[in-house]
Amino acid sequence: LFMENARKGSIVSRANSIGSTSASSVPNTDDEDSDYHQEPYKESYKDRRRRAHTQAEQKRRDAIKKGYDDLQAIVPTCEQQDFSIGSQKLSKAIVLQKTIDYIQFLHKEKKKQEEEVSTLRKDVMALKIMKVNYEQIVKAHQDNPNEGKDQVSDEVKFNVFQGIMDSLFQSFNASISVTSFQELSACVFSWIEEHCKPQTLRDVVIGVLHQVKSQLY
């Protein structure tokens, strides 16, 4: 009986020892559940930040790419084939350089057009002055159609006209440059302002008349 009790006690002791060891080896389910619920939340937050950053970066790259595509569509020289690079796609540096060159070309063209417009405005002003002068001559002739009729011969009229034109041509030839149309237009206005003023023309006509008169008498 004593031996049987000792054997049972040994079995119970070993069972308790095994139970405590097993209990100590079992993981803490409460802590694991807590870590299990918290860890996915931390990872999803990082994923959201990473995804937002990736999307923002992609939008920035798309905007830059669209800008270069628009430049290539707007700038004519970007559409022309560049034989130096063959059929390769234009780099961003080449697109920018071609865009700068095209803008500089447009600035030069704009300046050239402004100069042409200024010249044309001067031409229009000169034509208006001539138109007013001719209208005054026509009106004076209409008011006195018979004034001086049959009093001056055609030869005398021609001599007067020739003398006036010769005098004007001398100043015209000395003042006008015909190297280009622009220079011609610019010189004509200065010549008109200086040599075609009413007082100047009056002096020229009087001088010619005196000369013709001396030839006739």
Protein backbone atom coordinates (compact mmCIF):
# COMPACT_ATOMS: atom_id res chain seq x y z
CA LEU A 1 0.00 0.00 0.00
CA PHE A 2 2.82 2.35 0.89
CA MET A 3 4.57 1.64 -2.36
CA GLU A 4 1.35 2.05 -4.30
CA ASN A 5 0.73 5.46 -2.75
CA ALA A 6 4.28 6.50 -3.48
CA ARG A 7 3.87 5.44 -7.11
CA LYS A 8 0.62 7.40 -7.43
CA GLY A 9 2.25 10.44 -5.84
CA SER A 10 5.10 10.26 -8.28
CA ILE A 11 2.65 10.05 -11.20
CA VAL A 12 0.69 13.06 -9.90
CA SER A 13 3.91 15.03 -9.37
CA ARG A 14 5.08 14.28 -12.88
CA ALA A 15 1.65 15.20 -14.24
CA ASN A 16 1.76 18.53 -12.42
CA SER A 17 5.25 19.15 -13.68
CA ILE A 18 4.21 18.41 -17.26
CA GLY A 19 1.11 20.59 -16.86
CA SER A 20 3.09 23.54 -15.58
CA THR A 21 5.64 23.15 -18.37
CA SER A 22 2.90 22.94 -20.95
CA ALA A 23 1.17 25.92 -19.45
CA SER A 24 4.35 27.95 -19.48
CA SER A 25 5.01 27.03 -23.13
CA VAL A 26 1.55 28.09 -24.29
CA PRO A 27 1.79 31.64 -25.79
CA ASN A 28 -0.13 34.57 -24.32
CA THR A 29 -3.18 34.69 -26.54
CA ASP A 30 -4.34 38.03 -25.13
CA ASP A 31 -1.08 39.80 -26.08
CA GLU A 32 -1.01 38.19 -29.48
CA ASP A 33 -4.57 39.23 -30.20
CA SER A 34 -3.65 42.79 -29.25
CA ASP A 35 -0.57 42.82 -31.50
CA TYR A 36 -2.51 41.16 -34.29
CA HIS A 37 -5.12 43.92 -34.32
CA GLN A 38 -2.64 46.82 -34.03
CA GLU A 39 -0.05 45.69 -36.61
CA PRO A 40 -2.39 45.75 -39.67
CA TYR A 41 -3.49 49.32 -38.73
CA LYS A 42 0.11 50.54 -38.71
CA GLU A 43 0.85 48.88 -42.07
CA SER A 44 -2.30 50.23 -43.73
CA TYR A 45 -1.45 53.79 -42.60
CA LYS A 46 2.01 53.49 -44.10
CA ASP A 47 0.53 52.05 -47.26
CA ARG A 48 -1.90 54.96 -47.55
CA ARG A 49 0.92 57.49 -47.17
CA ARG A 50 3.05 55.66 -49.69
CA ARG A 51 0.12 55.39 -52.13
CA ALA A 52 -0.70 59.11 -51.75
CA HIS A 53 2.93 60.06 -52.36
CA THR A 54 3.08 57.79 -55.40
CA GLN A 55 -0.10 59.28 -56.84
CA ALA A 56 1.14 62.85 -56.30
CA GLU A 57 4.45 62.04 -57.94
CA GLN A 58 2.66 60.40 -60.88
CA LYS A 59 0.44 63.46 -61.33
CA ARG A 60 3.52 65.69 -61.36
CA ARG A 61 5.21 63.53 -63.97
CA ASP A 62 2.04 63.43 -66.07
CA ALA A 63 1.76 67.23 -65.94
CA ILE A 64 5.39 67.64 -67.03
CA LYS A 65 4.94 65.12 -69.84
CA LYS A 66 1.78 66.89 -71.02
CA GLY A 67 3.64 70.20 -71.00
CA TYR A 68 6.40 68.83 -73.23
CA ASP A 69 3.84 67.18 -75.51
CA ASP A 70 2.01 70.51 -75.85
CA LEU A 71 5.28 72.28 -76.70
CA GLN A 72 6.04 69.72 -79.38
CA ALA A 73 2.57 70.23 -80.84
CA ILE A 74 2.79 74.06 -80.77
CA VAL A 75 6.39 74.65 -81.88
CA PRO A 76 6.65 73.94 -85.64
CA THR A 77 10.36 73.09 -85.50
CA CYS A 78 9.66 70.28 -83.03
CA GLU A 79 7.42 68.59 -85.59
CA GLN A 80 10.05 68.76 -88.32
CA GLN A 81 12.31 65.77 -88.70
CA ASP A 82 15.76 66.25 -87.23
CA PHE A 83 18.14 64.16 -89.35
CA SER A 84 20.87 64.47 -86.75
CA ILE A 85 18.94 62.26 -84.33
CA GLY A 86 17.09 60.18 -86.89
CA SER A 87 13.75 58.78 -85.85
CA GLN A 88 14.52 58.93 -82.13
CA LYS A 89 12.13 60.75 -79.84
CA LEU A 90 13.13 64.32 -79.05
CA SER A 91 14.64 64.74 -75.62
CA LYS A 92 13.34 67.32 -73.17
CA ALA A 93 16.49 69.41 -73.61
CA ILE A 94 16.01 69.53 -77.40
CA VAL A 95 12.33 70.43 -77.02
CA LEU A 96 13.21 73.30 -74.67
CA GLN A 97 15.98 74.59 -76.95
CA LYS A 98 13.74 74.49 -80.02
CA THR A 99 11.02 76.29 -78.06
CA ILE A 100 13.47 79.04 -77.02
CA ASP A 101 14.69 79.43 -80.61
CA TYR A 102 11.12 79.67 -81.88
CA ILE A 103 10.18 82.32 -79.29
CA GLN A 104 13.22 84.40 -80.25
CA PHE A 105 12.23 84.07 -83.91
CA LEU A 106 8.71 85.27 -83.11
CA HIS A 107 10.12 88.29 -81.25
CA LYS A 108 12.22 89.24 -84.29
CA GLU A 109 9.24 88.80 -86.61
CA LYS A 110 7.09 90.93 -84.33
CA LYS A 111 9.67 93.72 -84.32
CA LYS A 112 9.98 93.52 -88.10
CA GLN A 113 6.21 93.73 -88.54
CA GLU A 114 6.01 96.71 -86.19
CA GLU A 115 8.60 98.52 -88.31
CA GLU A 116 6.67 97.72 -91.48
CA VAL A 117 3.45 98.99 -89.91
CA SER A 118 5.20 102.23 -88.93
CA THR A 119 6.46 102.67 -92.49
CA LEU A 120 3.03 102.00 -93.94
CA ARG A 121 1.48 104.54 -91.60
CA LYS A 122 3.94 107.14 -92.87
CA ASP A 123 3.04 106.19 -96.45
CA VAL A 124 -0.64 106.60 -95.69
CA MET A 125 0.00 110.01 -94.13
CA ALA A 126 1.94 111.15 -97.22
CA LEU A 127 -0.82 109.93 -99.53
CA LYS A 128 -3.41 111.79 -97.49
CA ILE A 129 -1.38 115.00 -97.80
CA MET A 130 -1.09 114.51 -101.56
CA LYS A 131 -4.80 113.77 -101.81
CA VAL A 132 -5.69 117.00 -99.99
CA ASN A 133 -3.36 118.99 -102.26
CA TYR A 134 -4.84 117.51 -105.42
CA GLU A 135 -8.36 118.11 -104.17
CA GLN A 136 -7.50 121.76 -103.58
CA ILE A 137 -6.05 122.04 -107.10
CA VAL A 138 -9.13 120.44 -108.65
CA LYS A 139 -11.45 122.65 -106.63
CA ALA A 140 -9.55 125.77 -107.66
CA HIS A 141 -9.80 124.75 -111.31
CA GLN A 142 -13.52 124.01 -110.99
CA ASP A 143 -14.16 127.40 -109.41
CA ASN A 144 -12.31 129.22 -112.23
CA PRO A 145 -12.33 126.90 -115.24
CA ASN A 146 -11.58 129.68 -117.77
CA GLU A 147 -8.97 131.51 -115.75
CA GLY A 148 -5.82 131.95 -117.81
CA LYS A 149 -7.30 130.10 -120.80
CA ASP A 150 -5.62 130.87 -124.10
CA GLN A 151 -3.28 133.26 -122.34
CA VAL A 152 -0.33 130.88 -121.85
CA SER A 153 0.87 128.52 -124.53
CA ASP A 154 1.39 124.84 -123.95
CA GLU A 155 5.12 125.29 -124.50
CA VAL A 156 5.32 127.83 -121.71
CA LYS A 157 3.30 125.55 -119.43
CA PHE A 158 5.66 122.69 -120.21
CA ASN A 159 8.69 124.85 -119.53
CA VAL A 160 7.25 125.94 -116.18
CA PHE A 161 6.40 122.37 -115.25
CA GLN A 162 9.81 121.16 -116.37
CA GLY A 163 11.58 123.84 -114.37
CA ILE A 164 9.63 122.98 -111.22
CA MET A 165 10.21 119.24 -111.62
CA ASP A 166 13.92 119.73 -112.32
CA SER A 167 14.30 121.79 -109.17
CA LEU A 168 12.42 119.22 -107.09
CA PHE A 169 14.30 116.33 -108.65
CA GLN A 170 17.64 117.82 -107.71
CA SER A 171 16.70 117.93 -104.02
CA PHE A 172 14.99 114.55 -104.34
CA ASN A 173 18.04 112.91 -105.88
CA ALA A 174 20.31 114.38 -103.21
CA SER A 175 18.09 113.30 -100.28
CA ILE A 176 16.54 109.97 -101.29
CA SER A 177 18.12 106.53 -100.96
CA VAL A 178 16.72 103.73 -103.12
CA THR A 179 18.68 100.90 -101.56
CA SER A 180 15.45 99.34 -100.23
CA PHE A 181 11.79 100.14 -100.11
CA GLN A 182 11.97 100.84 -96.38
CA GLU A 183 14.75 103.39 -96.82
CA LEU A 184 12.94 104.94 -99.80
CA SER A 185 9.75 105.34 -97.77
CA ALA A 186 11.58 106.85 -94.80
CA CYS A 187 13.54 109.29 -96.98
CA VAL A 188 10.47 110.38 -98.95
CA PHE A 189 8.74 111.65 -95.83
CA SER A 190 11.73 113.65 -94.68
CA TRP A 191 12.14 115.06 -98.21
CA ILE A 192 8.47 116.05 -98.38
CA GLU A 193 8.64 117.74 -94.99
CA GLU A 194 11.75 119.69 -95.93
CA HIS A 195 11.37 120.49 -99.66
CA CYS A 196 7.62 120.33 -100.28
CA LYS A 197 6.43 122.82 -97.74
CA PRO A 198 4.08 125.46 -99.18
CA GLN A 199 6.58 128.27 -98.72
CA THR A 200 9.38 126.23 -100.34
CA LEU A 201 7.22 125.26 -103.31
CA ARG A 202 6.13 128.87 -103.68
CA ASP A 203 9.74 130.01 -103.88
CA VAL A 204 10.53 127.29 -106.43
CA VAL A 205 7.58 128.25 -108.63
CA ILE A 206 8.41 131.96 -108.46
CA GLY A 207 12.02 131.26 -109.37
CA VAL A 208 10.97 129.12 -112.36
CA LEU A 209 8.50 131.74 -113.54
CA HIS A 210 11.19 134.41 -113.41
CA GLN A 211 13.48 132.16 -115.40
CA VAL A 212 10.84 131.43 -118.06
CA LYS A 213 9.94 135.09 -118.23
CA SER A 214 13.55 136.03 -118.85
CA GLN A 215 13.70 133.45 -121.63
CA LEU A 216 10.53 134.80 -123.29
CA TYR A 217 11.46 138.46 -123.11
